[in-house]
Amino acid sequence: MRIVRGRKASAVVLRPGADQFLQTCTDERVKRSAEEMLDVLKERYDVGRKIPRSQFPPSYVEKWGLNNLYKCDLALGWRLTYTLTSDAAGIRVDVLEIMPHSEYNKRFGYRAA
């Protein structure tokens, strides 16, 4: 019999930039979308799209020393980025940033069409 490990996060932690966004966001639709995604990540930490290591922004590697990176789409073209880390209780979700699509494109080196 094969045992399938659950995908529930041990915790969801907001890094300062993501935390500040949620505290100051005035667009209720975007804020609600981000909060709903945080709830989803608590239940399924693998819901995001995995970003290949070759596409990691150098600033992310410098600042957080990542070895994995994921993104989720939010309302109105906003993006949420996160990484997974191991802690004593299991797999923790560290939310790095919540940003508009234009900033996401700039951060990841994509050009506007």
PDB file of N, CA and C in Angstrom:
ATOM      1  N   MET A   1       0.842  -1.187   0.000  1.00  0.00           N
ATOM      2  CA  MET A   1       0.000   0.000   0.000  1.00  0.00           C
ATOM      3  C   MET A   1       0.885   1.248   0.000  1.00  0.00           C
ATOM      4  N   ARG A   2       0.602   2.156  -0.885  1.00  0.00           N
ATOM      5  CA  ARG A   2       1.368   3.394  -1.013  1.00  0.00           C
ATOM      6  C   ARG A   2       0.725   4.491  -0.170  1.00  0.00           C
ATOM      7  N   ILE A   3       1.533   5.172   0.637  1.00  0.00           N
ATOM      8  CA  ILE A   3       1.037   6.268   1.459  1.00  0.00           C
ATOM      9  C   ILE A   3       1.357   7.570   0.747  1.00  0.00           C
ATOM     10  N   VAL A   4       0.341   8.375   0.543  1.00  0.00           N
ATOM     11  CA  VAL A   4       0.515   9.660  -0.121  1.00  0.00           C
ATOM     12  C   VAL A   4       0.590  10.737   0.955  1.00  0.00           C
ATOM     13  N   ARG A   5       1.680  11.475   0.937  1.00  0.00           N
ATOM     14  CA  ARG A   5       1.871  12.549   1.902  1.00  0.00           C
ATOM     15  C   ARG A   5       0.924  13.708   1.600  1.00  0.00           C
ATOM     16  N   GLY A   6       0.352  14.282   2.631  1.00  0.00           N
ATOM     17  CA  GLY A   6      -0.556  15.415   2.469  1.00  0.00           C
ATOM     18  C   GLY A   6       0.175  16.634   1.933  1.00  0.00           C
ATOM     19  N   ARG A   7      -0.558  17.545   1.384  1.00  0.00           N
ATOM     20  CA  ARG A   7       0.008  18.765   0.815  1.00  0.00           C
ATOM     21  C   ARG A   7      -0.363  19.987   1.650  1.00  0.00           C
ATOM     22  N   LYS A   8      -0.761  19.758   2.886  1.00  0.00           N
ATOM     23  CA  LYS A   8      -1.141  20.857   3.768  1.00  0.00           C
ATOM     24  C   LYS A   8       0.113  21.495   4.348  1.00  0.00           C
ATOM     25  N   ALA A   9       0.164  22.822   4.323  1.00  0.00           N
ATOM     26  CA  ALA A   9       1.327  23.551   4.841  1.00  0.00           C
ATOM     27  C   ALA A   9       1.316  23.539   6.364  1.00  0.00           C
ATOM     28  N   SER A  10       2.510  23.455   6.953  1.00  0.00           N
ATOM     29  CA  SER A  10       2.613  23.557   8.405  1.00  0.00           C
ATOM     30  C   SER A  10       2.357  24.993   8.852  1.00  0.00           C
ATOM     31  N   ALA A  11       2.663  25.954   7.963  1.00  0.00           N
ATOM     32  CA  ALA A  11       2.433  27.373   8.250  1.00  0.00           C
ATOM     33  C   ALA A  11       2.537  28.158   6.943  1.00  0.00           C
ATOM     34  N   VAL A  12       1.907  29.317   6.931  1.00  0.00           N
ATOM     35  CA  VAL A  12       2.058  30.266   5.829  1.00  0.00           C
ATOM     36  C   VAL A  12       2.579  31.553   6.460  1.00  0.00           C
ATOM     37  N   VAL A  13       3.794  31.950   6.049  1.00  0.00           N
ATOM     38  CA  VAL A  13       4.472  33.108   6.630  1.00  0.00           C
ATOM     39  C   VAL A  13       4.593  34.191   5.565  1.00  0.00           C
ATOM     40  N   LEU A  14       4.203  35.412   5.930  1.00  0.00           N
ATOM     41  CA  LEU A  14       4.330  36.543   5.017  1.00  0.00           C
ATOM     42  C   LEU A  14       5.644  37.252   5.272  1.00  0.00           C
ATOM     43  N   ARG A  15       6.474  37.361   4.258  1.00  0.00           N
ATOM     44  CA  ARG A  15       7.696  38.166   4.357  1.00  0.00           C
ATOM     45  C   ARG A  15       7.278  39.629   4.437  1.00  0.00           C
ATOM     46  N   PRO A  16       8.158  40.519   4.900  1.00  0.00           N
ATOM     47  CA  PRO A  16       7.767  41.920   5.128  1.00  0.00           C
ATOM     48  C   PRO A  16       7.070  42.603   3.953  1.00  0.00           C
ATOM     49  N   GLY A  17       7.537  42.414   2.724  1.00  0.00           N
ATOM     50  CA  GLY A  17       6.899  43.069   1.580  1.00  0.00           C
ATOM     51  C   GLY A  17       5.477  42.607   1.364  1.00  0.00           C
ATOM     52  N   ALA A  18       5.228  41.320   1.502  1.00  0.00           N
ATOM     53  CA  ALA A  18       3.885  40.773   1.334  1.00  0.00           C
ATOM     54  C   ALA A  18       2.984  41.209   2.485  1.00  0.00           C
ATOM     55  N   ASP A  19       3.524  41.209   3.683  1.00  0.00           N
ATOM     56  CA  ASP A  19       2.770  41.639   4.859  1.00  0.00           C
ATOM     57  C   ASP A  19       2.381  43.117   4.730  1.00  0.00           C
ATOM     58  N   GLN A  20       3.322  43.937   4.301  1.00  0.00           N
ATOM     59  CA  GLN A  20       3.054  45.372   4.136  1.00  0.00           C
ATOM     60  C   GLN A  20       1.979  45.591   3.073  1.00  0.00           C
ATOM     61  N   PHE A  21       2.054  44.813   1.993  1.00  0.00           N
ATOM     62  CA  PHE A  21       1.035  44.935   0.949  1.00  0.00           C
ATOM     63  C   PHE A  21      -0.356  44.706   1.532  1.00  0.00           C
ATOM     64  N   LEU A  22      -0.539  43.622   2.275  1.00  0.00           N
ATOM     65  CA  LEU A  22      -1.857  43.309   2.816  1.00  0.00           C
ATOM     66  C   LEU A  22      -2.344  44.364   3.811  1.00  0.00           C
ATOM     67  N   GLN A  23      -1.422  44.976   4.523  1.00  0.00           N
ATOM     68  CA  GLN A  23      -1.804  46.006   5.489  1.00  0.00           C
ATOM     69  C   GLN A  23      -2.203  47.317   4.819  1.00  0.00           C
ATOM     70  N   THR A  24      -1.641  47.596   3.643  1.00  0.00           N
ATOM     71  CA  THR A  24      -1.868  48.900   3.015  1.00  0.00           C
ATOM     72  C   THR A  24      -2.709  48.854   1.737  1.00  0.00           C
ATOM     73  N   CYS A  25      -3.032  47.690   1.237  1.00  0.00           N
ATOM     74  CA  CYS A  25      -3.777  47.574  -0.019  1.00  0.00           C
ATOM     75  C   CYS A  25      -5.162  48.207   0.115  1.00  0.00           C
ATOM     76  N   THR A  26      -5.490  49.089  -0.829  1.00  0.00           N
ATOM     77  CA  THR A  26      -6.789  49.745  -0.814  1.00  0.00           C
ATOM     78  C   THR A  26      -7.747  49.167  -1.853  1.00  0.00           C
ATOM     79  N   ASP A  27      -7.247  48.306  -2.727  1.00  0.00           N
ATOM     80  CA  ASP A  27      -8.108  47.658  -3.719  1.00  0.00           C
ATOM     81  C   ASP A  27      -8.673  46.387  -3.087  1.00  0.00           C
ATOM     82  N   GLU A  28      -9.926  46.443  -2.706  1.00  0.00           N
ATOM     83  CA  GLU A  28     -10.544  45.329  -1.983  1.00  0.00           C
ATOM     84  C   GLU A  28     -10.553  44.030  -2.785  1.00  0.00           C
ATOM     85  N   ARG A  29     -10.708  44.126  -4.090  1.00  0.00           N
ATOM     86  CA  ARG A  29     -10.744  42.902  -4.912  1.00  0.00           C
ATOM     87  C   ARG A  29      -9.384  42.199  -4.907  1.00  0.00           C
ATOM     88  N   VAL A  30      -8.319  42.962  -5.050  1.00  0.00           N
ATOM     89  CA  VAL A  30      -6.972  42.384  -5.043  1.00  0.00           C
ATOM     90  C   VAL A  30      -6.644  41.846  -3.646  1.00  0.00           C
ATOM     91  N   LYS A  31      -6.960  42.625  -2.623  1.00  0.00           N
ATOM     92  CA  LYS A  31      -6.684  42.197  -1.255  1.00  0.00           C
ATOM     93  C   LYS A  31      -7.434  40.904  -0.923  1.00  0.00           C
ATOM     94  N   ARG A  32      -8.704  40.838  -1.280  1.00  0.00           N
ATOM     95  CA  ARG A  32      -9.508  39.636  -1.030  1.00  0.00           C
ATOM     96  C   ARG A  32      -8.938  38.438  -1.793  1.00  0.00           C
ATOM     97  N   SER A  33      -8.521  38.675  -3.035  1.00  0.00           N
ATOM     98  CA  SER A  33      -7.933  37.604  -3.837  1.00  0.00           C
ATOM     99  C   SER A  33      -6.659  37.064  -3.178  1.00  0.00           C
ATOM    100  N   ALA A  34      -5.824  37.968  -2.675  1.00  0.00           N
ATOM    101  CA  ALA A  34      -4.586  37.556  -2.000  1.00  0.00           C
ATOM    102  C   ALA A  34      -4.897  36.785  -0.722  1.00  0.00           C
ATOM    103  N   GLU A  35      -5.842  37.271   0.056  1.00  0.00           N
ATOM    104  CA  GLU A  35      -6.202  36.588   1.306  1.00  0.00           C
ATOM    105  C   GLU A  35      -6.791  35.207   1.033  1.00  0.00           C
ATOM    106  N   GLU A  36      -7.593  35.106  -0.022  1.00  0.00           N
ATOM    107  CA  GLU A  36      -8.152  33.799  -0.396  1.00  0.00           C
ATOM    108  C   GLU A  36      -7.040  32.843  -0.826  1.00  0.00           C
ATOM    109  N   MET A  37      -6.043  33.367  -1.562  1.00  0.00           N
ATOM    110  CA  MET A  37      -4.929  32.522  -1.989  1.00  0.00           C
ATOM    111  C   MET A  37      -4.131  32.034  -0.774  1.00  0.00           C
ATOM    112  N   LEU A  38      -3.959  32.871   0.233  1.00  0.00           N
ATOM    113  CA  LEU A  38      -3.267  32.445   1.457  1.00  0.00           C
ATOM    114  C   LEU A  38      -4.005  31.284   2.107  1.00  0.00           C
ATOM    115  N   ASP A  39      -5.328  31.337   2.121  1.00  0.00           N
ATOM    116  CA  ASP A  39      -6.119  30.231   2.670  1.00  0.00           C
ATOM    117  C   ASP A  39      -5.930  28.965   1.846  1.00  0.00           C
ATOM    118  N   VAL A  40      -5.903  29.113   0.526  1.00  0.00           N
ATOM    119  CA  VAL A  40      -5.689  27.960  -0.358  1.00  0.00           C
ATOM    120  C   VAL A  40      -4.308  27.352  -0.098  1.00  0.00           C
ATOM    121  N   LEU A  41      -3.290  28.212   0.030  1.00  0.00           N
ATOM    122  CA  LEU A  41      -1.923  27.724   0.263  1.00  0.00           C
ATOM    123  C   LEU A  41      -1.797  26.971   1.581  1.00  0.00           C
ATOM    124  N   LYS A  42      -2.593  27.328   2.575  1.00  0.00           N
ATOM    125  CA  LYS A  42      -2.576  26.588   3.846  1.00  0.00           C
ATOM    126  C   LYS A  42      -3.011  25.146   3.630  1.00  0.00           C
ATOM    127  N   GLU A  43      -3.951  24.956   2.726  1.00  0.00           N
ATOM    128  CA  GLU A  43      -4.488  23.619   2.462  1.00  0.00           C
ATOM    129  C   GLU A  43      -3.736  22.858   1.382  1.00  0.00           C
ATOM    130  N   ARG A  44      -3.167  23.573   0.411  1.00  0.00           N
ATOM    131  CA  ARG A  44      -2.454  22.957  -0.721  1.00  0.00           C
ATOM    132  C   ARG A  44      -1.256  23.805  -1.084  1.00  0.00           C
ATOM    133  N   TYR A  45      -0.109  23.527  -0.487  1.00  0.00           N
ATOM    134  CA  TYR A  45       1.070  24.360  -0.744  1.00  0.00           C
ATOM    135  C   TYR A  45       1.609  24.227  -2.155  1.00  0.00           C
ATOM    136  N   ASP A  46       1.167  23.212  -2.904  1.00  0.00           N
ATOM    137  CA  ASP A  46       1.675  22.997  -4.263  1.00  0.00           C
ATOM    138  C   ASP A  46       0.739  23.549  -5.340  1.00  0.00           C
ATOM    139  N   VAL A  47      -0.148  24.460  -4.976  1.00  0.00           N
ATOM    140  CA  VAL A  47      -1.127  24.990  -5.926  1.00  0.00           C
ATOM    141  C   VAL A  47      -0.503  25.930  -6.958  1.00  0.00           C
ATOM    142  N   GLY A  48       0.607  26.563  -6.638  1.00  0.00           N
ATOM    143  CA  GLY A  48       1.237  27.512  -7.551  1.00  0.00           C
ATOM    144  C   GLY A  48       1.985  26.855  -8.693  1.00  0.00           C
ATOM    145  N   ARG A  49       2.334  27.673  -9.682  1.00  0.00           N
ATOM    146  CA  ARG A  49       3.138  27.199 -10.819  1.00  0.00           C
ATOM    147  C   ARG A  49       4.610  27.312 -10.449  1.00  0.00           C
ATOM    148  N   LYS A  50       5.334  26.215 -10.569  1.00  0.00           N
ATOM    149  CA  LYS A  50       6.757  26.208 -10.230  1.00  0.00           C
ATOM    150  C   LYS A  50       7.535  26.975 -11.291  1.00  0.00           C
ATOM    151  N   ILE A  51       8.422  27.849 -10.834  1.00  0.00           N
ATOM    152  CA  ILE A  51       9.248  28.658 -11.727  1.00  0.00           C
ATOM    153  C   ILE A  51      10.615  27.980 -11.857  1.00  0.00           C
ATOM    154  N   PRO A  52      11.080  27.755 -13.083  1.00  0.00           N
ATOM    155  CA  PRO A  52      12.393  27.119 -13.266  1.00  0.00           C
ATOM    156  C   PRO A  52      13.514  27.959 -12.642  1.00  0.00           C
ATOM    157  N   ARG A  53      14.495  27.293 -12.079  1.00  0.00           N
ATOM    158  CA  ARG A  53      15.616  27.964 -11.412  1.00  0.00           C
ATOM    159  C   ARG A  53      16.295  28.984 -12.326  1.00  0.00           C
ATOM    160  N   SER A  54      16.370  28.689 -13.612  1.00  0.00           N
ATOM    161  CA  SER A  54      17.015  29.616 -14.550  1.00  0.00           C
ATOM    162  C   SER A  54      16.264  30.943 -14.666  1.00  0.00           C
ATOM    163  N   GLN A  55      15.014  30.993 -14.204  1.00  0.00           N
ATOM    164  CA  GLN A  55      14.208  32.217 -14.273  1.00  0.00           C
ATOM    165  C   GLN A  55      14.099  32.938 -12.927  1.00  0.00           C
ATOM    166  N   PHE A  56      14.779  32.434 -11.885  1.00  0.00           N
ATOM    167  CA  PHE A  56      14.749  33.110 -10.589  1.00  0.00           C
ATOM    168  C   PHE A  56      15.368  34.497 -10.741  1.00  0.00           C
ATOM    169  N   PRO A  57      14.712  35.534 -10.265  1.00  0.00           N
ATOM    170  CA  PRO A  57      15.328  36.868 -10.286  1.00  0.00           C
ATOM    171  C   PRO A  57      16.574  36.878  -9.390  1.00  0.00           C
ATOM    172  N   PRO A  58      17.677  37.439  -9.856  1.00  0.00           N
ATOM    173  CA  PRO A  58      18.883  37.498  -9.025  1.00  0.00           C
ATOM    174  C   PRO A  58      18.632  38.128  -7.654  1.00  0.00           C
ATOM    175  N   SER A  59      17.742  39.118  -7.599  1.00  0.00           N
ATOM    176  CA  SER A  59      17.444  39.764  -6.317  1.00  0.00           C
ATOM    177  C   SER A  59      16.807  38.777  -5.333  1.00  0.00           C
ATOM    178  N   TYR A  60      16.019  37.851  -5.829  1.00  0.00           N
ATOM    179  CA  TYR A  60      15.410  36.840  -4.957  1.00  0.00           C
ATOM    180  C   TYR A  60      16.480  35.910  -4.393  1.00  0.00           C
ATOM    181  N   VAL A  61      17.395  35.503  -5.254  1.00  0.00           N
ATOM    182  CA  VAL A  61      18.455  34.578  -4.817  1.00  0.00           C
ATOM    183  C   VAL A  61      19.335  35.269  -3.781  1.00  0.00           C
ATOM    184  N   GLU A  62      19.692  36.529  -4.041  1.00  0.00           N
ATOM    185  CA  GLU A  62      20.509  37.304  -3.101  1.00  0.00           C
ATOM    186  C   GLU A  62      19.822  37.475  -1.760  1.00  0.00           C
ATOM    187  N   LYS A  63      18.572  37.894  -1.820  1.00  0.00           N
ATOM    188  CA  LYS A  63      17.838  38.240  -0.607  1.00  0.00           C
ATOM    189  C   LYS A  63      17.407  37.026   0.199  1.00  0.00           C
ATOM    190  N   TRP A  64      16.950  35.962  -0.490  1.00  0.00           N
ATOM    191  CA  TRP A  64      16.356  34.840   0.221  1.00  0.00           C
ATOM    192  C   TRP A  64      17.101  33.517   0.041  1.00  0.00           C
ATOM    193  N   GLY A  65      18.094  33.449  -0.845  1.00  0.00           N
ATOM    194  CA  GLY A  65      18.829  32.207  -1.057  1.00  0.00           C
ATOM    195  C   GLY A  65      17.931  31.027  -1.407  1.00  0.00           C
ATOM    196  N   LEU A  66      17.051  31.228  -2.356  1.00  0.00           N
ATOM    197  CA  LEU A  66      16.036  30.238  -2.723  1.00  0.00           C
ATOM    198  C   LEU A  66      16.605  28.994  -3.387  1.00  0.00           C
ATOM    199  N   ASN A  67      15.881  27.893  -3.212  1.00  0.00           N
ATOM    200  CA  ASN A  67      16.147  26.729  -4.045  1.00  0.00           C
ATOM    201  C   ASN A  67      14.864  26.246  -4.719  1.00  0.00           C
ATOM    202  N   ASN A  68      13.738  26.949  -4.468  1.00  0.00           N
ATOM    203  CA  ASN A  68      12.485  26.698  -5.185  1.00  0.00           C
ATOM    204  C   ASN A  68      11.672  27.985  -5.174  1.00  0.00           C
ATOM    205  N   LEU A  69      10.834  28.140  -6.181  1.00  0.00           N
ATOM    206  CA  LEU A  69      10.040  29.356  -6.301  1.00  0.00           C
ATOM    207  C   LEU A  69       8.759  29.033  -7.056  1.00  0.00           C
ATOM    208  N   TYR A  70       7.650  29.587  -6.561  1.00  0.00           N
ATOM    209  CA  TYR A  70       6.336  29.370  -7.154  1.00  0.00           C
ATOM    210  C   TYR A  70       5.629  30.707  -7.317  1.00  0.00           C
ATOM    211  N   LYS A  71       4.652  30.724  -8.230  1.00  0.00           N
ATOM    212  CA  LYS A  71       3.830  31.922  -8.389  1.00  0.00           C
ATOM    213  C   LYS A  71       2.373  31.511  -8.529  1.00  0.00           C
ATOM    214  N   CYS A  72       1.500  32.402  -8.057  1.00  0.00           N
ATOM    215  CA  CYS A  72       0.060  32.220  -8.192  1.00  0.00           C
ATOM    216  C   CYS A  72      -0.514  33.483  -8.812  1.00  0.00           C
ATOM    217  N   ASP A  73      -1.493  33.299  -9.674  1.00  0.00           N
ATOM    218  CA  ASP A  73      -2.190  34.427 -10.277  1.00  0.00           C
ATOM    219  C   ASP A  73      -3.314  34.870  -9.344  1.00  0.00           C
ATOM    220  N   LEU A  74      -3.431  36.169  -9.187  1.00  0.00           N
ATOM    221  CA  LEU A  74      -4.491  36.757  -8.380  1.00  0.00           C
ATOM    222  C   LEU A  74      -5.414  37.584  -9.269  1.00  0.00           C
ATOM    223  N   ALA A  75      -6.403  38.188  -8.679  1.00  0.00           N
ATOM    224  CA  ALA A  75      -7.353  39.028  -9.425  1.00  0.00           C
ATOM    225  C   ALA A  75      -6.643  40.203 -10.084  1.00  0.00           C
ATOM    226  N   LEU A  76      -7.198  40.656 -11.183  1.00  0.00           N
ATOM    227  CA  LEU A  76      -6.752  41.847 -11.904  1.00  0.00           C
ATOM    228  C   LEU A  76      -5.291  41.780 -12.340  1.00  0.00           C
ATOM    229  N   GLY A  77      -4.787  40.578 -12.591  1.00  0.00           N
ATOM    230  CA  GLY A  77      -3.433  40.413 -13.103  1.00  0.00           C
ATOM    231  C   GLY A  77      -2.335  40.483 -12.051  1.00  0.00           C
ATOM    232  N   TRP A  78      -2.666  40.511 -10.792  1.00  0.00           N
ATOM    233  CA  TRP A  78      -1.649  40.544  -9.744  1.00  0.00           C
ATOM    234  C   TRP A  78      -1.040  39.161  -9.579  1.00  0.00           C
ATOM    235  N   ARG A  79       0.163  39.121  -9.006  1.00  0.00           N
ATOM    236  CA  ARG A  79       0.895  37.867  -8.801  1.00  0.00           C
ATOM    237  C   ARG A  79       1.364  37.764  -7.346  1.00  0.00           C
ATOM    238  N   LEU A  80       1.413  36.544  -6.860  1.00  0.00           N
ATOM    239  CA  LEU A  80       1.941  36.237  -5.537  1.00  0.00           C
ATOM    240  C   LEU A  80       3.071  35.240  -5.734  1.00  0.00           C
ATOM    241  N   THR A  81       4.242  35.511  -5.165  1.00  0.00           N
ATOM    242  CA  THR A  81       5.362  34.577  -5.261  1.00  0.00           C
ATOM    243  C   THR A  81       5.642  33.990  -3.885  1.00  0.00           C
ATOM    244  N   TYR A  82       6.052  32.726  -3.887  1.00  0.00           N
ATOM    245  CA  TYR A  82       6.361  32.068  -2.623  1.00  0.00           C
ATOM    246  C   TYR A  82       7.410  30.975  -2.815  1.00  0.00           C
ATOM    247  N   THR A  83       7.999  30.588  -1.694  1.00  0.00           N
ATOM    248  CA  THR A  83       8.960  29.497  -1.672  1.00  0.00           C
ATOM    249  C   THR A  83       8.541  28.536  -0.570  1.00  0.00           C
ATOM    250  N   LEU A  84       8.983  27.308  -0.678  1.00  0.00           N
ATOM    251  CA  LEU A  84       8.688  26.293   0.325  1.00  0.00           C
ATOM    252  C   LEU A  84       9.953  25.982   1.108  1.00  0.00           C
ATOM    253  N   THR A  85       9.812  25.919   2.418  1.00  0.00           N
ATOM    254  CA  THR A  85      10.928  25.545   3.283  1.00  0.00           C
ATOM    255  C   THR A  85      10.455  24.467   4.241  1.00  0.00           C
ATOM    256  N   SER A  86      11.397  23.725   4.735  1.00  0.00           N
ATOM    257  CA  SER A  86      11.089  22.660   5.680  1.00  0.00           C
ATOM    258  C   SER A  86      11.247  23.196   7.099  1.00  0.00           C
ATOM    259  N   ASP A  87      10.292  22.869   7.943  1.00  0.00           N
ATOM    260  CA  ASP A  87      10.432  23.200   9.358  1.00  0.00           C
ATOM    261  C   ASP A  87      10.100  21.957  10.178  1.00  0.00           C
ATOM    262  N   ALA A  88      10.171  22.053  11.479  1.00  0.00           N
ATOM    263  CA  ALA A  88       9.967  20.891  12.340  1.00  0.00           C
ATOM    264  C   ALA A  88       8.587  20.256  12.152  1.00  0.00           C
ATOM    265  N   ALA A  89       7.604  21.055  11.758  1.00  0.00           N
ATOM    266  CA  ALA A  89       6.240  20.562  11.608  1.00  0.00           C
ATOM    267  C   ALA A  89       5.908  20.086  10.197  1.00  0.00           C
ATOM    268  N   GLY A  90       6.779  20.353   9.212  1.00  0.00           N
ATOM    269  CA  GLY A  90       6.509  19.936   7.840  1.00  0.00           C
ATOM    270  C   GLY A  90       7.016  20.929   6.824  1.00  0.00           C
ATOM    271  N   ILE A  91       6.167  21.271   5.862  1.00  0.00           N
ATOM    272  CA  ILE A  91       6.516  22.198   4.791  1.00  0.00           C
ATOM    273  C   ILE A  91       5.839  23.541   5.063  1.00  0.00           C
ATOM    274  N   ARG A  92       6.664  24.596   5.110  1.00  0.00           N
ATOM    275  CA  ARG A  92       6.179  25.948   5.361  1.00  0.00           C
ATOM    276  C   ARG A  92       6.170  26.736   4.055  1.00  0.00           C
ATOM    277  N   VAL A  93       5.128  27.543   3.864  1.00  0.00           N
ATOM    278  CA  VAL A  93       5.017  28.453   2.726  1.00  0.00           C
ATOM    279  C   VAL A  93       5.503  29.825   3.178  1.00  0.00           C
ATOM    280  N   ASP A  94       6.514  30.359   2.497  1.00  0.00           N
ATOM    281  CA  ASP A  94       6.995  31.718   2.757  1.00  0.00           C
ATOM    282  C   ASP A  94       6.571  32.585   1.576  1.00  0.00           C
ATOM    283  N   VAL A  95       5.601  33.458   1.800  1.00  0.00           N
ATOM    284  CA  VAL A  95       5.114  34.359   0.756  1.00  0.00           C
ATOM    285  C   VAL A  95       6.098  35.514   0.646  1.00  0.00           C
ATOM    286  N   LEU A  96       6.703  35.658  -0.523  1.00  0.00           N
ATOM    287  CA  LEU A  96       7.748  36.649  -0.732  1.00  0.00           C
ATOM    288  C   LEU A  96       7.197  38.003  -1.140  1.00  0.00           C
ATOM    289  N   GLU A  97       6.372  38.015  -2.190  1.00  0.00           N
ATOM    290  CA  GLU A  97       5.853  39.281  -2.702  1.00  0.00           C
ATOM    291  C   GLU A  97       4.455  39.105  -3.274  1.00  0.00           C
ATOM    292  N   ILE A  98       3.711  40.199  -3.251  1.00  0.00           N
ATOM    293  CA  ILE A  98       2.432  40.311  -3.942  1.00  0.00           C
ATOM    294  C   ILE A  98       2.558  41.581  -4.772  1.00  0.00           C
ATOM    295  N   MET A  99       2.415  41.439  -6.093  1.00  0.00           N
ATOM    296  CA  MET A  99       2.708  42.576  -6.970  1.00  0.00           C
ATOM    297  C   MET A  99       1.832  42.567  -8.212  1.00  0.00           C
ATOM    298  N   PRO A 100       1.682  43.738  -8.848  1.00  0.00           N
ATOM    299  CA  PRO A 100       0.934  43.788 -10.105  1.00  0.00           C
ATOM    300  C   PRO A 100       1.718  43.093 -11.217  1.00  0.00           C
ATOM    301  N   HIS A 101       0.993  42.708 -12.244  1.00  0.00           N
ATOM    302  CA  HIS A 101       1.600  41.969 -13.355  1.00  0.00           C
ATOM    303  C   HIS A 101       2.775  42.725 -13.974  1.00  0.00           C
ATOM    304  N   SER A 102       2.647  44.040 -14.118  1.00  0.00           N
ATOM    305  CA  SER A 102       3.731  44.827 -14.731  1.00  0.00           C
ATOM    306  C   SER A 102       5.013  44.742 -13.898  1.00  0.00           C
ATOM    307  N   GLU A 103       4.886  44.782 -12.590  1.00  0.00           N
ATOM    308  CA  GLU A 103       6.067  44.669 -11.723  1.00  0.00           C
ATOM    309  C   GLU A 103       6.630  43.256 -11.766  1.00  0.00           C
ATOM    310  N   TYR A 104       5.739  42.262 -11.816  1.00  0.00           N
ATOM    311  CA  TYR A 104       6.173  40.868 -11.934  1.00  0.00           C
ATOM    312  C   TYR A 104       6.987  40.696 -13.212  1.00  0.00           C
ATOM    313  N   ASN A 105       6.493  41.223 -14.334  1.00  0.00           N
ATOM    314  CA  ASN A 105       7.223  41.122 -15.601  1.00  0.00           C
ATOM    315  C   ASN A 105       8.595  41.769 -15.503  1.00  0.00           C
ATOM    316  N   LYS A 106       8.662  42.923 -14.879  1.00  0.00           N
ATOM    317  CA  LYS A 106       9.938  43.629 -14.721  1.00  0.00           C
ATOM    318  C   LYS A 106      10.896  42.819 -13.846  1.00  0.00           C
ATOM    319  N   ARG A 107      10.398  42.330 -12.717  1.00  0.00           N
ATOM    320  CA  ARG A 107      11.226  41.576 -11.779  1.00  0.00           C
ATOM    321  C   ARG A 107      11.795  40.301 -12.422  1.00  0.00           C
ATOM    322  N   PHE A 108      10.987  39.658 -13.255  1.00  0.00           N
ATOM    323  CA  PHE A 108      11.406  38.393 -13.863  1.00  0.00           C
ATOM    324  C   PHE A 108      12.010  38.577 -15.251  1.00  0.00           C
ATOM    325  N   GLY A 109      12.182  39.837 -15.687  1.00  0.00           N
ATOM    326  CA  GLY A 109      12.864  40.117 -16.946  1.00  0.00           C
ATOM    327  C   GLY A 109      12.052  39.869 -18.189  1.00  0.00           C
ATOM    328  N   TYR A 110      10.723  39.870 -18.074  1.00  0.00           N
ATOM    329  CA  TYR A 110       9.874  39.696 -19.244  1.00  0.00           C
ATOM    330  C   TYR A 110       9.630  41.062 -19.880  1.00  0.00           C
ATOM    331  N   ARG A 111       9.551  41.079 -21.163  1.00  0.00           N
ATOM    332  CA  ARG A 111       9.291  42.334 -21.890  1.00  0.00           C
ATOM    333  C   ARG A 111       7.814  42.455 -22.176  1.00  0.00           C
ATOM    334  N   ALA A 112       7.343  43.684 -22.185  1.00  0.00           N
ATOM    335  CA  ALA A 112       5.942  43.943 -22.524  1.00  0.00           C
ATOM    336  C   ALA A 112       5.718  43.655 -24.008  1.00  0.00           C
ATOM    337  N   ALA A 113       4.584  43.077 -24.298  1.00  0.00           N
ATOM    338  CA  ALA A 113       4.278  42.723 -25.698  1.00  0.00           C
ATOM    339  C   ALA A 113       3.795  43.927 -26.460  1.00  0.00           C
TER     340      ALA A 113
END
